[in-house]
Amino acid sequence: MSDNKVYLDNSCETAPAPGAASESNEAETTKEAGEISAGFNAHISPFSTTAASRLSDCCHGGAKMSVLAYSRGKREINQYFSIQNAKLLALVAVLLLIVFHSVSRNYGGLPMGTSLKPDIIVLGAATWSIKLHNGNTEALHQYKTNLTSIARLLEKLAEHIEVIWVLQDPVLEDHLSEDRKMITNQQIDLYNEAALSILSSINSVSKAKVQILRASRLAAEQTISKSLDGLHLPRSTRDISAMVLMNYFCNKILKPIDGSCCLPRPPLTLIQKLTACFFLLSISGYLAVNFICRSNHRENKPATDIESGEEKKPSIAISSVAGLKIPFQSVCKLGLIMAYFYFCDRADIFMKEQKFYTHSSFFIPLIFILVLGFFYNENSKEAKLLNREQTDEWKGWMQLVILIYHISGASAFLPVYMHVRVLVAAYLFQTGYGHFSFFWLKGDFGLYRVCQILAFILIRNIPGYARSVYSSFFAWFGKISLELFICQYHIWLAADTKGILVLIPGNPMLNIIISTFIFVCVAHEISQITNELAQIAIPKDGSALLKRLLGGAGFLLVVLLLSTQEDAKL
């Protein structure tokens, strides 16, 4: 036993790494691993450092090689997959998705030569038979015979697809032309009665039934007076009939959220039009400023003064124009993001779907983010009570739990619902005034919520070690928690959190991955844009700040008046 133990220890310390060419190469590799390991260990928790030291004592060369491989992989990932590259990837995905959904919606269909089984067959007949045979009684008998012969075929079709027979609509006899005078409501009623009798007798003895659509006839009875030729119904009536058919068919597959699948796209409001004009003008301004800056850069390259030997500084006018580039760029990016908001939340390009809660859909993502949060940890800059990194971490994990709660529909599970209410109270606790106003307005001073919040603060801060480390993963999300909270309602969820935005139809898992990736990138970009614009829009000078506040209040007042006027017109 002792010999085996010595042999294993020696092999662990002296065995060269696979692929090692010489001792000199091994020494260089070990030296590099030690340098990288020192930098790596500076960013991991004491627990990880202790584990690494134990591993190094046991297997010195192997541990350093592992650290070297991990550090090189991490460096490669950080080099090629930064947050900027992620945002560019999200932008490309958004553009491709908008183009794909727009083309499929407006130019959808099967290519020539493609034959697929239909999902629904809608048919009906009467008026042409009446017209061709001049309302002859024999034509009615032949109609009954023909419909009886094809009824069995319709029954077989109904076993695999939806078959709907549409009753014939009434006519406005006074408006009919001379060649249509034989089409009377009496004749139409006879043909409809024949169809009802034959199809009902077939449906009574068969499992698969041919459905009979009566709603369109009822709608036609109310609107036939608006017909121009007495035979063809107005467009509004045809739209109602089509909507009834769409509801009958698609509601079995996709439950509509608040009836949105059958509602037309709402027209652009005045505020939306003004906002679009503002962003378009900002894009034009940015292009103009960018063009001027490039032209001045080419024409006014820094030149050296021959007498003094110093470089000539650019003129003040050029510097002032260049100073406009950052605000124009930020507003342009914000305009593009708002356009994506509109496409997701107001336009009919992307579909929405209902949420269905299961325990796995909530707890599996929850466990996953908790593991990531504990894995990515760093030393805090300060160890005081509720330091900045700790509060960012706190907001981060709470926001992620709330997001998973919303996307999974976990409000249907009462225990989860009650705990998330506590998280919301804790989030309000951090926002100060929001916490106070919530309890003040609601009158809910529930002691159990406050106790749970205080219990968490004590547990998180009493051990000295707990204050010295924090989860960088949770803290990163905590810094953009407000943006995540706002954006989720527009580009991640649908119908006021009742549904889910569908970017990839037919693949829920891939849809969640892509929509979440875009959602997080957009929230991070909004956070950066608002920080940049806040530094420009909020000066340190008190008088200038007051003027801008008054100007902003006047602008909001004008917007409110315009919105009120538009609502009054509706």
Protein backbone atom coordinates (compact mmCIF):
# COMPACT_ATOMS: atom_id res chain seq x y z
CA MET A 1 0.00 0.00 0.00
CA SER A 2 2.82 2.44 0.89
CA ASP A 3 4.70 1.68 -2.34
CA ASN A 4 1.63 2.36 -4.38
CA LYS A 5 1.06 5.64 -2.58
CA VAL A 6 4.65 6.82 -3.23
CA TYR A 7 4.38 5.83 -6.85
CA LEU A 8 1.20 7.79 -7.35
CA ASP A 9 2.62 10.90 -5.67
CA ASN A 10 5.78 10.76 -7.77
CA SER A 11 3.88 10.26 -10.99
CA CYS A 12 1.70 13.21 -10.16
CA GLU A 13 4.64 15.51 -9.61
CA THR A 14 7.08 14.42 -12.32
CA ALA A 15 4.99 13.07 -15.17
CA PRO A 16 5.18 15.43 -18.20
CA ALA A 17 2.02 16.82 -19.70
CA PRO A 18 0.75 15.02 -22.80
CA GLY A 19 2.44 16.43 -25.84
CA ALA A 20 5.35 18.04 -23.91
CA ALA A 21 8.47 18.15 -26.08
CA SER A 22 11.26 18.89 -23.63
CA GLU A 23 12.04 19.94 -20.09
CA SER A 24 12.74 23.52 -21.17
CA ASN A 25 9.32 23.80 -22.79
CA GLU A 26 7.75 22.35 -19.67
CA ALA A 27 9.55 24.92 -17.52
CA GLU A 28 8.35 27.78 -19.70
CA THR A 29 4.82 26.43 -19.63
CA THR A 30 4.95 26.03 -15.86
CA LYS A 31 6.23 29.59 -15.47
CA GLU A 32 3.47 30.99 -17.67
CA ALA A 33 0.89 28.95 -15.81
CA GLY A 34 2.16 30.33 -12.53
CA GLU A 35 1.89 33.94 -13.76
CA ILE A 36 -1.61 33.46 -15.10
CA SER A 37 -2.58 31.50 -12.03
CA ALA A 38 -1.54 34.43 -9.83
CA GLY A 39 -3.77 36.82 -11.77
CA PHE A 40 -6.57 34.28 -11.85
CA ASN A 41 -6.46 33.59 -8.13
CA ALA A 42 -6.76 37.32 -7.42
CA HIS A 43 -10.28 37.29 -8.82
CA ILE A 44 -11.71 34.16 -7.26
CA SER A 45 -13.13 33.59 -3.84
CA PRO A 46 -11.08 32.35 -0.86
CA PHE A 47 -12.95 29.06 -1.12
CA SER A 48 -11.73 28.64 -4.70
CA THR A 49 -8.21 29.77 -3.70
CA THR A 50 -8.09 27.20 -0.90
CA ALA A 51 -9.29 24.49 -3.27
CA ALA A 52 -6.68 25.49 -5.83
CA SER A 53 -3.88 25.42 -3.25
CA ARG A 54 -4.90 21.96 -2.06
CA LEU A 55 -5.01 20.75 -5.63
CA SER A 56 -1.59 22.29 -6.24
CA ASP A 57 -0.14 20.55 -3.19
CA CYS A 58 -1.51 17.23 -4.43
CA CYS A 59 -0.81 17.56 -8.10
CA HIS A 60 1.40 20.63 -8.72
CA GLY A 61 2.04 20.32 -12.45
CA GLY A 62 -1.45 19.15 -13.36
CA ALA A 63 -3.11 21.95 -11.38
CA LYS A 64 -1.04 24.60 -13.12
CA MET A 65 -1.81 23.13 -16.50
CA SER A 66 -5.53 23.16 -15.63
CA VAL A 67 -5.31 26.80 -14.53
CA LEU A 68 -3.41 27.63 -17.71
CA ALA A 69 -6.04 25.97 -19.91
CA TYR A 70 -8.90 27.63 -18.03
CA SER A 71 -7.25 31.06 -18.16
CA ARG A 72 -6.42 30.81 -21.84
CA GLY A 73 -9.98 29.73 -22.61
CA LYS A 74 -11.39 32.56 -20.55
CA ARG A 75 -9.07 35.04 -22.28
CA GLU A 76 -10.11 33.80 -25.72
CA ILE A 77 -13.81 34.06 -24.81
CA ASN A 78 -13.39 37.59 -23.46
CA GLN A 79 -11.46 38.60 -26.56
CA TYR A 80 -13.92 37.35 -29.17
CA PHE A 81 -17.24 37.47 -27.29
CA SER A 82 -17.44 40.81 -25.54
CA ILE A 83 -20.69 42.56 -24.69
CA GLN A 84 -20.30 44.75 -27.79
CA ASN A 85 -20.02 41.67 -30.01
CA ALA A 86 -23.06 40.21 -28.27
CA LYS A 87 -25.03 43.36 -29.04
CA LEU A 88 -23.98 43.26 -32.69
CA LEU A 89 -25.06 39.63 -32.85
CA ALA A 90 -28.40 40.58 -31.27
CA LEU A 91 -28.85 43.39 -33.83
CA VAL A 92 -28.21 41.00 -36.72
CA ALA A 93 -30.68 38.51 -35.22
CA VAL A 94 -33.36 41.20 -34.87
CA LEU A 95 -32.94 42.34 -38.48
CA LEU A 96 -33.07 38.79 -39.80
CA LEU A 97 -36.16 37.96 -37.70
CA ILE A 98 -38.03 41.09 -38.82
CA VAL A 99 -37.24 40.39 -42.48
CA PHE A 100 -38.19 36.71 -42.16
CA HIS A 101 -41.49 37.36 -40.38
CA SER A 102 -42.41 40.21 -42.72
CA VAL A 103 -41.74 38.14 -45.83
CA SER A 104 -43.55 35.07 -44.48
CA ARG A 105 -46.55 37.18 -43.45
CA ASN A 106 -46.87 39.18 -46.68
CA TYR A 107 -45.55 36.69 -49.21
CA GLY A 108 -46.26 33.41 -47.47
CA GLY A 109 -47.47 30.38 -49.35
CA LEU A 110 -46.25 27.29 -51.05
CA PRO A 111 -43.93 27.38 -54.06
CA MET A 112 -45.16 26.20 -57.43
CA GLY A 113 -45.45 22.46 -57.76
CA THR A 114 -45.76 21.87 -53.99
CA SER A 115 -48.79 19.87 -52.87
CA LEU A 116 -49.74 19.52 -49.22
CA LYS A 117 -52.91 18.39 -47.50
CA PRO A 118 -55.13 21.38 -46.65
CA ASP A 119 -56.04 22.08 -43.04
CA ILE A 120 -59.58 23.21 -43.77
CA ILE A 121 -62.04 22.97 -46.69
CA VAL A 122 -64.83 25.54 -47.00
CA LEU A 123 -67.49 24.92 -49.66
CA GLY A 124 -71.06 25.70 -50.56
CA ALA A 125 -73.27 25.94 -53.67
CA ALA A 126 -76.69 27.18 -54.79
CA THR A 127 -76.78 30.53 -56.61
CA TRP A 128 -75.00 29.35 -59.75
CA SER A 129 -77.21 26.30 -60.00
CA ILE A 130 -80.30 28.52 -59.69
CA LYS A 131 -79.01 30.95 -62.33
CA LEU A 132 -77.87 28.34 -64.90
CA HIS A 133 -81.15 26.42 -64.70
CA ASN A 134 -83.37 29.48 -64.36
CA GLY A 135 -84.76 28.32 -61.00
CA ASN A 136 -86.04 25.04 -62.43
CA THR A 137 -87.44 22.47 -59.98
CA GLU A 138 -85.56 19.68 -61.72
CA ALA A 139 -82.30 21.50 -60.96
CA LEU A 140 -83.15 21.34 -57.25
CA HIS A 141 -83.71 17.56 -57.47
CA GLN A 142 -80.40 17.15 -59.30
CA TYR A 143 -78.72 19.30 -56.64
CA LYS A 144 -80.00 16.95 -53.92
CA THR A 145 -78.79 13.91 -55.85
CA ASN A 146 -75.32 15.36 -56.43
CA LEU A 147 -74.94 16.52 -52.83
CA THR A 148 -76.01 13.08 -51.55
CA SER A 149 -73.36 11.40 -53.72
CA ILE A 150 -70.52 13.63 -52.51
CA ALA A 151 -71.70 13.62 -48.86
CA ARG A 152 -69.94 10.30 -48.26
CA LEU A 153 -66.72 11.75 -49.70
CA LEU A 154 -67.05 14.79 -47.46
CA GLU A 155 -67.50 12.46 -44.51
CA LYS A 156 -64.24 10.66 -45.30
CA LEU A 157 -62.43 13.98 -45.70
CA ALA A 158 -63.79 15.11 -42.33
CA GLU A 159 -61.93 12.23 -40.67
CA HIS A 160 -58.59 13.94 -41.43
CA ILE A 161 -59.31 17.65 -41.99
CA GLU A 162 -61.97 20.23 -41.17
CA VAL A 163 -64.82 20.34 -43.72
CA ILE A 164 -67.24 23.28 -43.46
CA TRP A 165 -70.39 23.76 -45.55
CA VAL A 166 -71.47 27.38 -45.85
CA LEU A 167 -75.17 28.16 -46.17
CA GLN A 168 -76.05 30.50 -49.00
CA ASP A 169 -76.56 34.15 -48.11
CA PRO A 170 -79.81 36.00 -48.88
CA VAL A 171 -80.05 38.46 -51.78
CA LEU A 172 -81.59 41.90 -52.22
CA GLU A 173 -84.02 41.08 -54.99
CA ASP A 174 -84.82 44.69 -55.96
CA HIS A 175 -81.15 45.39 -56.78
CA LEU A 176 -80.54 42.28 -58.88
CA SER A 177 -79.83 42.68 -62.60
CA GLU A 178 -82.12 41.11 -65.21
CA ASP A 179 -79.91 38.05 -65.71
CA ARG A 180 -80.07 37.37 -61.94
CA LYS A 181 -83.78 37.89 -61.30
CA MET A 182 -84.31 34.12 -61.01
CA ILE A 183 -82.12 34.05 -57.86
CA THR A 184 -84.73 34.66 -55.19
CA ASN A 185 -84.63 34.21 -51.43
CA GLN A 186 -87.29 31.52 -51.76
CA GLN A 187 -85.05 29.50 -54.07
CA ILE A 188 -82.05 30.01 -51.77
CA ASP A 189 -84.05 28.79 -48.77
CA LEU A 190 -85.02 25.61 -50.66
CA TYR A 191 -81.39 24.85 -51.50
CA ASN A 192 -80.25 25.57 -47.93
CA GLU A 193 -82.93 23.28 -46.51
CA ALA A 194 -81.86 20.51 -48.87
CA ALA A 195 -78.20 20.86 -47.81
CA LEU A 196 -79.12 20.89 -44.12
CA SER A 197 -81.29 17.77 -44.48
CA ILE A 198 -78.68 15.73 -46.37
CA LEU A 199 -75.67 16.72 -44.25
CA SER A 200 -77.55 16.29 -40.98
CA SER A 201 -78.58 12.77 -41.92
CA ILE A 202 -74.96 11.90 -42.73
CA ASN A 203 -73.64 13.49 -39.51
CA SER A 204 -76.12 11.57 -37.38
CA VAL A 205 -74.59 8.18 -38.31
CA SER A 206 -70.90 9.06 -38.68
CA LYS A 207 -68.20 9.97 -36.20
CA ALA A 208 -66.58 12.59 -38.42
CA LYS A 209 -69.02 15.42 -38.98
CA VAL A 210 -69.23 18.02 -41.72
CA GLN A 211 -69.60 21.36 -39.94
CA ILE A 212 -72.28 23.79 -41.12
CA LEU A 213 -71.54 27.51 -40.97
CA ARG A 214 -74.68 29.55 -40.21
CA ALA A 215 -73.03 32.66 -38.75
CA SER A 216 -72.19 34.16 -42.14
CA ARG A 217 -75.83 33.96 -43.22
CA LEU A 218 -76.94 35.69 -40.02
CA ALA A 219 -74.43 38.48 -40.64
CA ALA A 220 -75.56 38.79 -44.27
CA GLU A 221 -79.18 39.22 -43.22
CA GLN A 222 -78.20 42.38 -41.33
CA THR A 223 -75.98 43.91 -44.04
CA ILE A 224 -77.46 42.78 -47.39
CA SER A 225 -79.16 46.18 -47.68
CA LYS A 226 -75.69 47.71 -48.23
CA SER A 227 -74.99 45.48 -51.24
CA LEU A 228 -74.38 47.37 -54.46
CA ASP A 229 -75.66 44.71 -56.88
CA GLY A 230 -78.04 42.83 -54.55
CA LEU A 231 -75.96 39.64 -54.67
CA HIS A 232 -72.43 40.33 -53.37
CA LEU A 233 -72.08 41.28 -49.75
CA PRO A 234 -70.12 44.35 -48.55
CA ARG A 235 -66.50 43.90 -47.51
CA SER A 236 -67.25 44.31 -43.81
CA THR A 237 -69.59 41.30 -43.88
CA ARG A 238 -67.03 39.18 -45.70
CA ASP A 239 -64.43 40.15 -43.10
CA ILE A 240 -66.74 39.01 -40.31
CA SER A 241 -67.26 35.65 -42.00
CA ALA A 242 -63.52 35.21 -42.48
CA MET A 243 -62.92 36.14 -38.84
CA VAL A 244 -65.43 33.53 -37.67
CA LEU A 245 -63.66 30.88 -39.72
CA MET A 246 -60.25 31.92 -38.41
CA ASN A 247 -61.48 31.81 -34.83
CA TYR A 248 -63.01 28.38 -35.35
CA PHE A 249 -59.80 26.98 -36.79
CA CYS A 250 -56.93 28.73 -34.99
CA ASN A 251 -58.41 28.83 -31.49
CA LYS A 252 -58.00 25.05 -31.29
CA ILE A 253 -54.28 25.43 -31.92
CA LEU A 254 -53.38 28.81 -30.42
CA LYS A 255 -55.47 30.44 -27.76
CA PRO A 256 -55.62 34.15 -28.55
CA ILE A 257 -54.47 36.62 -25.92
CA ASP A 258 -57.36 39.04 -25.34
CA GLY A 259 -58.66 38.25 -28.83
CA SER A 260 -55.62 39.79 -30.50
CA CYS A 261 -55.48 37.20 -33.26
CA CYS A 262 -58.66 38.57 -34.76
CA LEU A 263 -58.11 42.28 -34.07
CA PRO A 264 -56.68 44.55 -36.76
CA ARG A 265 -53.42 46.37 -36.13
CA PRO A 266 -54.22 49.67 -34.39
CA PRO A 267 -53.36 52.82 -36.38
CA LEU A 268 -50.40 54.96 -35.41
CA THR A 269 -51.22 57.54 -32.78
CA LEU A 270 -50.13 61.17 -32.98
CA ILE A 271 -47.55 60.63 -30.23
CA GLN A 272 -46.09 57.68 -32.11
CA LYS A 273 -45.88 59.71 -35.32
CA LEU A 274 -44.17 62.62 -33.55
CA THR A 275 -41.76 60.22 -31.86
CA ALA A 276 -40.90 58.60 -35.19
CA CYS A 277 -40.30 62.04 -36.76
CA PHE A 278 -38.05 63.00 -33.83
CA PHE A 279 -35.91 59.89 -34.19
CA LEU A 280 -35.73 60.27 -37.97
CA LEU A 281 -34.53 63.86 -37.56
CA SER A 282 -31.98 62.64 -35.01
CA ILE A 283 -30.67 60.05 -37.47
CA SER A 284 -30.38 62.76 -40.13
CA GLY A 285 -28.58 65.01 -37.65
CA TYR A 286 -26.17 62.23 -36.70
CA LEU A 287 -25.35 61.52 -40.34
CA ALA A 288 -24.78 65.23 -40.98
CA VAL A 289 -22.53 65.64 -37.91
CA ASN A 290 -20.60 62.50 -38.81
CA PHE A 291 -20.08 63.75 -42.36
CA ILE A 292 -18.89 67.16 -41.14
CA CYS A 293 -16.48 65.60 -38.66
CA ARG A 294 -14.97 63.32 -41.29
CA SER A 295 -14.63 66.14 -43.79
CA ASN A 296 -12.95 68.40 -41.22
CA HIS A 297 -10.69 65.56 -40.15
CA ARG A 298 -9.45 65.12 -43.71
CA GLU A 299 -9.08 68.85 -44.37
CA ASN A 300 -7.71 69.90 -40.98
CA LYS A 301 -5.22 67.22 -40.06
CA PRO A 302 -2.95 68.27 -37.17
CA ALA A 303 -0.04 70.17 -38.69
CA THR A 304 3.17 71.29 -37.02
CA ASP A 305 3.89 75.02 -36.80
CA ILE A 306 7.28 75.63 -38.43
CA GLU A 307 8.22 78.49 -36.10
CA SER A 308 7.12 77.07 -32.75
CA GLY A 309 7.36 73.38 -33.58
CA GLU A 310 4.01 72.71 -31.86
CA GLU A 311 0.93 71.03 -33.33
CA LYS A 312 -1.91 73.34 -34.26
CA LYS A 313 -5.09 72.62 -32.32
CA PRO A 314 -8.41 72.23 -34.19
CA SER A 315 -10.75 75.20 -34.18
CA ILE A 316 -13.44 75.62 -31.52
CA ALA A 317 -16.19 75.26 -34.14
CA ILE A 318 -14.91 71.84 -35.15
CA SER A 319 -14.74 70.75 -31.51
CA SER A 320 -18.30 71.92 -30.84
CA VAL A 321 -19.61 70.00 -33.84
CA ALA A 322 -17.74 66.89 -32.73
CA GLY A 323 -19.29 67.27 -29.29
CA LEU A 324 -22.74 66.75 -30.82
CA LYS A 325 -21.78 63.34 -32.16
CA ILE A 326 -22.22 61.43 -28.89
CA PRO A 327 -25.74 62.72 -28.04
CA PHE A 328 -26.93 62.24 -31.63
CA GLN A 329 -25.49 58.73 -31.67
CA SER A 330 -27.18 57.85 -28.38
CA VAL A 331 -30.55 59.16 -29.55
CA CYS A 332 -30.23 57.25 -32.84
CA LYS A 333 -29.54 54.00 -31.02
CA LEU A 334 -32.48 54.69 -28.73
CA GLY A 335 -34.67 55.25 -31.80
CA LEU A 336 -33.69 51.88 -33.25
CA ILE A 337 -34.50 50.22 -29.94
CA MET A 338 -37.88 51.96 -29.81
CA ALA A 339 -38.60 50.69 -33.33
CA TYR A 340 -37.91 47.14 -32.11
CA PHE A 341 -40.24 47.82 -29.16
CA TYR A 342 -42.96 48.83 -31.60
CA PHE A 343 -42.50 45.76 -33.79
CA CYS A 344 -42.72 43.46 -30.76
CA ASP A 345 -45.42 45.20 -28.77
CA ARG A 346 -47.68 47.05 -31.22
CA ALA A 347 -47.19 45.66 -34.73
CA ASP A 348 -48.46 42.30 -35.97
CA ILE A 349 -45.09 41.02 -37.24
CA PHE A 350 -44.38 38.65 -34.35
CA MET A 351 -46.84 36.22 -32.82
CA LYS A 352 -47.71 35.83 -29.15
CA GLU A 353 -48.58 32.69 -27.26
CA GLN A 354 -50.05 31.69 -23.92
CA LYS A 355 -47.98 30.60 -20.92
CA PHE A 356 -48.52 27.19 -19.31
CA TYR A 357 -46.93 26.68 -15.92
CA THR A 358 -45.07 23.54 -14.92
CA HIS A 359 -42.78 23.09 -11.94
CA SER A 360 -39.83 22.24 -14.19
CA SER A 361 -40.26 25.41 -16.26
CA PHE A 362 -39.70 27.48 -13.12
CA PHE A 363 -37.32 25.51 -10.91
CA ILE A 364 -34.84 24.27 -13.56
CA PRO A 365 -33.92 27.81 -14.79
CA LEU A 366 -33.89 28.97 -11.17
CA ILE A 367 -31.34 26.31 -10.15
CA PHE A 368 -29.29 27.06 -13.28
CA ILE A 369 -28.88 30.80 -12.55
CA LEU A 370 -28.15 30.10 -8.88
CA VAL A 371 -25.29 27.79 -9.86
CA LEU A 372 -23.93 30.42 -12.25
CA GLY A 373 -24.26 33.07 -9.58
CA PHE A 374 -22.25 31.08 -7.03
CA PHE A 375 -19.63 30.13 -9.61
CA TYR A 376 -18.88 33.72 -10.71
CA ASN A 377 -17.76 35.50 -7.53
CA GLU A 378 -15.19 38.17 -6.80
CA ASN A 379 -13.77 40.07 -3.84
CA SER A 380 -15.64 43.21 -2.84
CA LYS A 381 -13.88 46.57 -2.94
CA GLU A 382 -15.24 47.34 0.50
CA ALA A 383 -16.60 45.21 3.34
CA LYS A 384 -19.11 47.60 4.89
CA LEU A 385 -22.76 46.78 5.50
CA LEU A 386 -24.84 46.66 2.27
CA ASN A 387 -21.98 47.88 0.06
CA ARG A 388 -22.54 48.74 -3.59
CA GLU A 389 -21.51 45.35 -4.98
CA GLN A 390 -23.74 43.59 -2.47
CA THR A 391 -26.82 45.70 -3.29
CA ASP A 392 -26.21 45.18 -7.03
CA GLU A 393 -25.93 41.45 -6.38
CA TRP A 394 -29.14 41.54 -4.35
CA LYS A 395 -31.08 43.37 -7.03
CA GLY A 396 -29.60 41.08 -9.68
CA TRP A 397 -30.69 37.74 -8.30
CA MET A 398 -34.08 39.11 -7.28
CA GLN A 399 -34.66 40.50 -10.77
CA LEU A 400 -33.66 37.20 -12.38
CA VAL A 401 -36.04 35.27 -10.11
CA ILE A 402 -38.85 37.69 -10.98
CA LEU A 403 -38.11 37.32 -14.71
CA ILE A 404 -38.24 33.52 -14.47
CA TYR A 405 -41.44 33.87 -12.44
CA HIS A 406 -43.03 35.94 -15.22
CA ILE A 407 -41.85 33.90 -18.21
CA SER A 408 -42.91 30.58 -16.66
CA GLY A 409 -46.32 31.75 -15.45
CA ALA A 410 -45.45 30.73 -11.88
CA SER A 411 -48.11 33.02 -10.44
CA ALA A 412 -50.43 30.04 -10.85
CA PHE A 413 -48.46 28.26 -8.08
CA LEU A 414 -49.39 29.91 -4.76
CA PRO A 415 -46.17 29.22 -2.76
CA VAL A 416 -44.03 30.75 -5.51
CA TYR A 417 -46.43 33.66 -5.81
CA MET A 418 -46.15 34.45 -2.08
CA HIS A 419 -42.35 34.31 -2.07
CA VAL A 420 -42.10 36.53 -5.14
CA ARG A 421 -44.28 39.09 -3.34
CA VAL A 422 -41.58 39.16 -0.67
CA LEU A 423 -38.93 39.73 -3.35
CA VAL A 424 -40.94 42.62 -4.73
CA ALA A 425 -41.13 44.12 -1.26
CA ALA A 426 -37.36 43.68 -0.86
CA TYR A 427 -36.78 45.37 -4.21
CA LEU A 428 -38.95 48.27 -3.10
CA PHE A 429 -36.99 48.37 0.14
CA GLN A 430 -33.85 49.12 -1.87
CA THR A 431 -35.46 51.83 -3.95
CA GLY A 432 -36.27 53.87 -0.85
CA TYR A 433 -39.06 56.17 -1.87
CA GLY A 434 -40.71 53.51 -3.98
CA HIS A 435 -40.78 51.20 -0.96
CA PHE A 436 -42.22 53.92 1.27
CA SER A 437 -44.86 55.05 -1.25
CA PHE A 438 -45.91 51.44 -1.88
CA PHE A 439 -46.66 50.75 1.78
CA TRP A 440 -48.07 54.24 2.35
CA LEU A 441 -50.51 54.07 -0.58
CA LYS A 442 -51.45 50.42 -0.18
CA GLY A 443 -51.65 50.58 3.58
CA ASP A 444 -49.91 47.19 3.67
CA PHE A 445 -47.39 47.25 6.51
CA GLY A 446 -47.12 43.46 6.62
CA LEU A 447 -44.63 42.65 9.37
CA TYR A 448 -43.69 39.31 7.85
CA ARG A 449 -42.30 40.97 4.72
CA VAL A 450 -40.14 43.37 6.71
CA CYS A 451 -38.94 40.54 8.96
CA GLN A 452 -37.90 38.41 6.01
CA ILE A 453 -36.03 41.35 4.46
CA LEU A 454 -34.20 42.12 7.72
CA ALA A 455 -33.45 38.40 8.21
CA PHE A 456 -31.80 38.28 4.77
CA ILE A 457 -29.71 41.41 5.51
CA LEU A 458 -28.47 39.92 8.79
CA ILE A 459 -27.59 36.56 7.25
CA ARG A 460 -25.84 38.23 4.32
CA ASN A 461 -23.77 40.66 6.43
CA ILE A 462 -23.07 39.18 9.88
CA PRO A 463 -20.20 36.89 8.74
CA GLY A 464 -17.16 39.01 7.84
CA TYR A 465 -16.39 36.75 4.90
CA ALA A 466 -19.89 37.19 3.46
CA ARG A 467 -19.32 40.94 3.17
CA SER A 468 -15.96 40.52 1.45
CA VAL A 469 -17.23 38.59 -1.59
CA TYR A 470 -20.09 39.03 -4.00
CA SER A 471 -21.46 37.35 -7.10
CA SER A 472 -20.32 39.28 -10.16
CA PHE A 473 -22.90 37.41 -12.22
CA PHE A 474 -25.81 38.68 -10.12
CA ALA A 475 -24.24 42.13 -9.73
CA TRP A 476 -24.02 42.53 -13.52
CA PHE A 477 -27.75 41.98 -13.83
CA GLY A 478 -28.37 44.14 -10.77
CA LYS A 479 -26.84 47.15 -12.52
CA ILE A 480 -29.44 46.89 -15.28
CA SER A 481 -32.32 45.63 -13.13
CA LEU A 482 -34.52 48.67 -13.85
CA GLU A 483 -34.04 48.31 -17.62
CA LEU A 484 -34.77 44.57 -17.42
CA PHE A 485 -37.93 45.23 -15.45
CA ILE A 486 -39.26 47.77 -17.99
CA CYS A 487 -38.16 46.03 -21.18
CA GLN A 488 -39.68 42.66 -20.27
CA TYR A 489 -43.21 43.97 -20.85
CA HIS A 490 -42.45 45.04 -24.43
CA ILE A 491 -39.84 42.75 -26.01
CA TRP A 492 -39.97 39.55 -23.94
CA LEU A 493 -43.50 39.04 -22.68
CA ALA A 494 -46.86 39.95 -24.23
CA ALA A 495 -50.32 41.14 -23.18
CA ASP A 496 -49.18 42.59 -19.86
CA THR A 497 -47.19 39.45 -18.85
CA LYS A 498 -50.08 37.11 -19.76
CA GLY A 499 -48.30 35.79 -22.86
CA ILE A 500 -44.87 35.28 -24.42
CA LEU A 501 -43.37 36.94 -27.50
CA VAL A 502 -42.73 34.39 -30.26
CA LEU A 503 -39.67 35.09 -32.42
CA ILE A 504 -39.08 31.45 -33.44
CA PRO A 505 -42.44 29.71 -34.03
CA GLY A 506 -42.67 25.99 -33.34
CA ASN A 507 -39.57 25.77 -31.13
CA PRO A 508 -40.26 27.08 -27.60
CA MET A 509 -36.78 26.38 -26.21
CA LEU A 510 -34.94 28.11 -29.07
CA ASN A 511 -37.45 30.96 -28.93
CA ILE A 512 -36.76 31.54 -25.22
CA ILE A 513 -32.98 31.46 -25.78
CA ILE A 514 -32.97 33.94 -28.67
CA SER A 515 -35.60 36.30 -27.25
CA THR A 516 -33.83 36.34 -23.86
CA PHE A 517 -30.46 37.02 -25.48
CA ILE A 518 -31.86 39.97 -27.44
CA PHE A 519 -33.81 41.17 -24.40
CA VAL A 520 -30.73 41.31 -22.14
CA CYS A 521 -28.59 43.01 -24.82
CA VAL A 522 -31.25 45.67 -25.39
CA ALA A 523 -31.62 46.31 -21.65
CA HIS A 524 -27.85 46.73 -21.26
CA GLU A 525 -27.69 49.10 -24.23
CA ILE A 526 -30.56 51.20 -22.85
CA SER A 527 -28.70 51.46 -19.54
CA GLN A 528 -25.62 52.80 -21.31
CA ILE A 529 -27.65 55.20 -23.47
CA THR A 530 -29.54 56.65 -20.53
CA ASN A 531 -26.29 57.13 -18.58
CA GLU A 532 -24.74 58.99 -21.53
CA LEU A 533 -27.78 61.18 -22.10
CA ALA A 534 -28.17 61.86 -18.37
CA GLN A 535 -24.63 63.28 -18.18
CA ILE A 536 -25.44 65.60 -21.07
CA ALA A 537 -29.00 66.54 -20.14
CA ILE A 538 -28.38 67.14 -16.41
CA PRO A 539 -25.72 69.83 -15.93
CA LYS A 540 -24.03 70.52 -12.61
CA ASP A 541 -24.87 74.22 -12.76
CA GLY A 542 -28.06 74.91 -10.76
CA SER A 543 -29.53 77.61 -13.02
CA ALA A 544 -28.94 75.59 -16.19
CA LEU A 545 -30.48 72.55 -14.53
CA LEU A 546 -33.57 74.54 -13.54
CA LYS A 547 -34.03 75.80 -17.10
CA ARG A 548 -33.80 72.30 -18.51
CA LEU A 549 -36.23 70.98 -15.94
CA LEU A 550 -38.74 73.68 -16.87
CA GLY A 551 -38.22 72.92 -20.54
CA GLY A 552 -38.72 69.22 -19.94
CA ALA A 553 -41.87 69.87 -17.91
CA GLY A 554 -43.27 72.06 -20.72
CA PHE A 555 -42.50 69.36 -23.28
CA LEU A 556 -44.25 66.70 -21.21
CA LEU A 557 -47.24 69.02 -20.73
CA VAL A 558 -47.56 69.47 -24.51
CA VAL A 559 -47.35 65.70 -25.02
CA LEU A 560 -50.02 65.16 -22.35
CA LEU A 561 -52.35 67.70 -23.99
CA LEU A 562 -51.90 66.11 -27.42
CA SER A 563 -52.54 62.65 -25.99
CA THR A 564 -55.66 63.88 -24.18
CA GLN A 565 -57.00 65.48 -27.36
CA GLU A 566 -56.46 62.29 -29.33
CA ASP A 567 -58.19 60.18 -26.68
CA ALA A 568 -61.15 62.57 -26.75
CA LYS A 569 -61.51 62.11 -30.52
CA LEU A 570 -61.59 58.35 -30.11
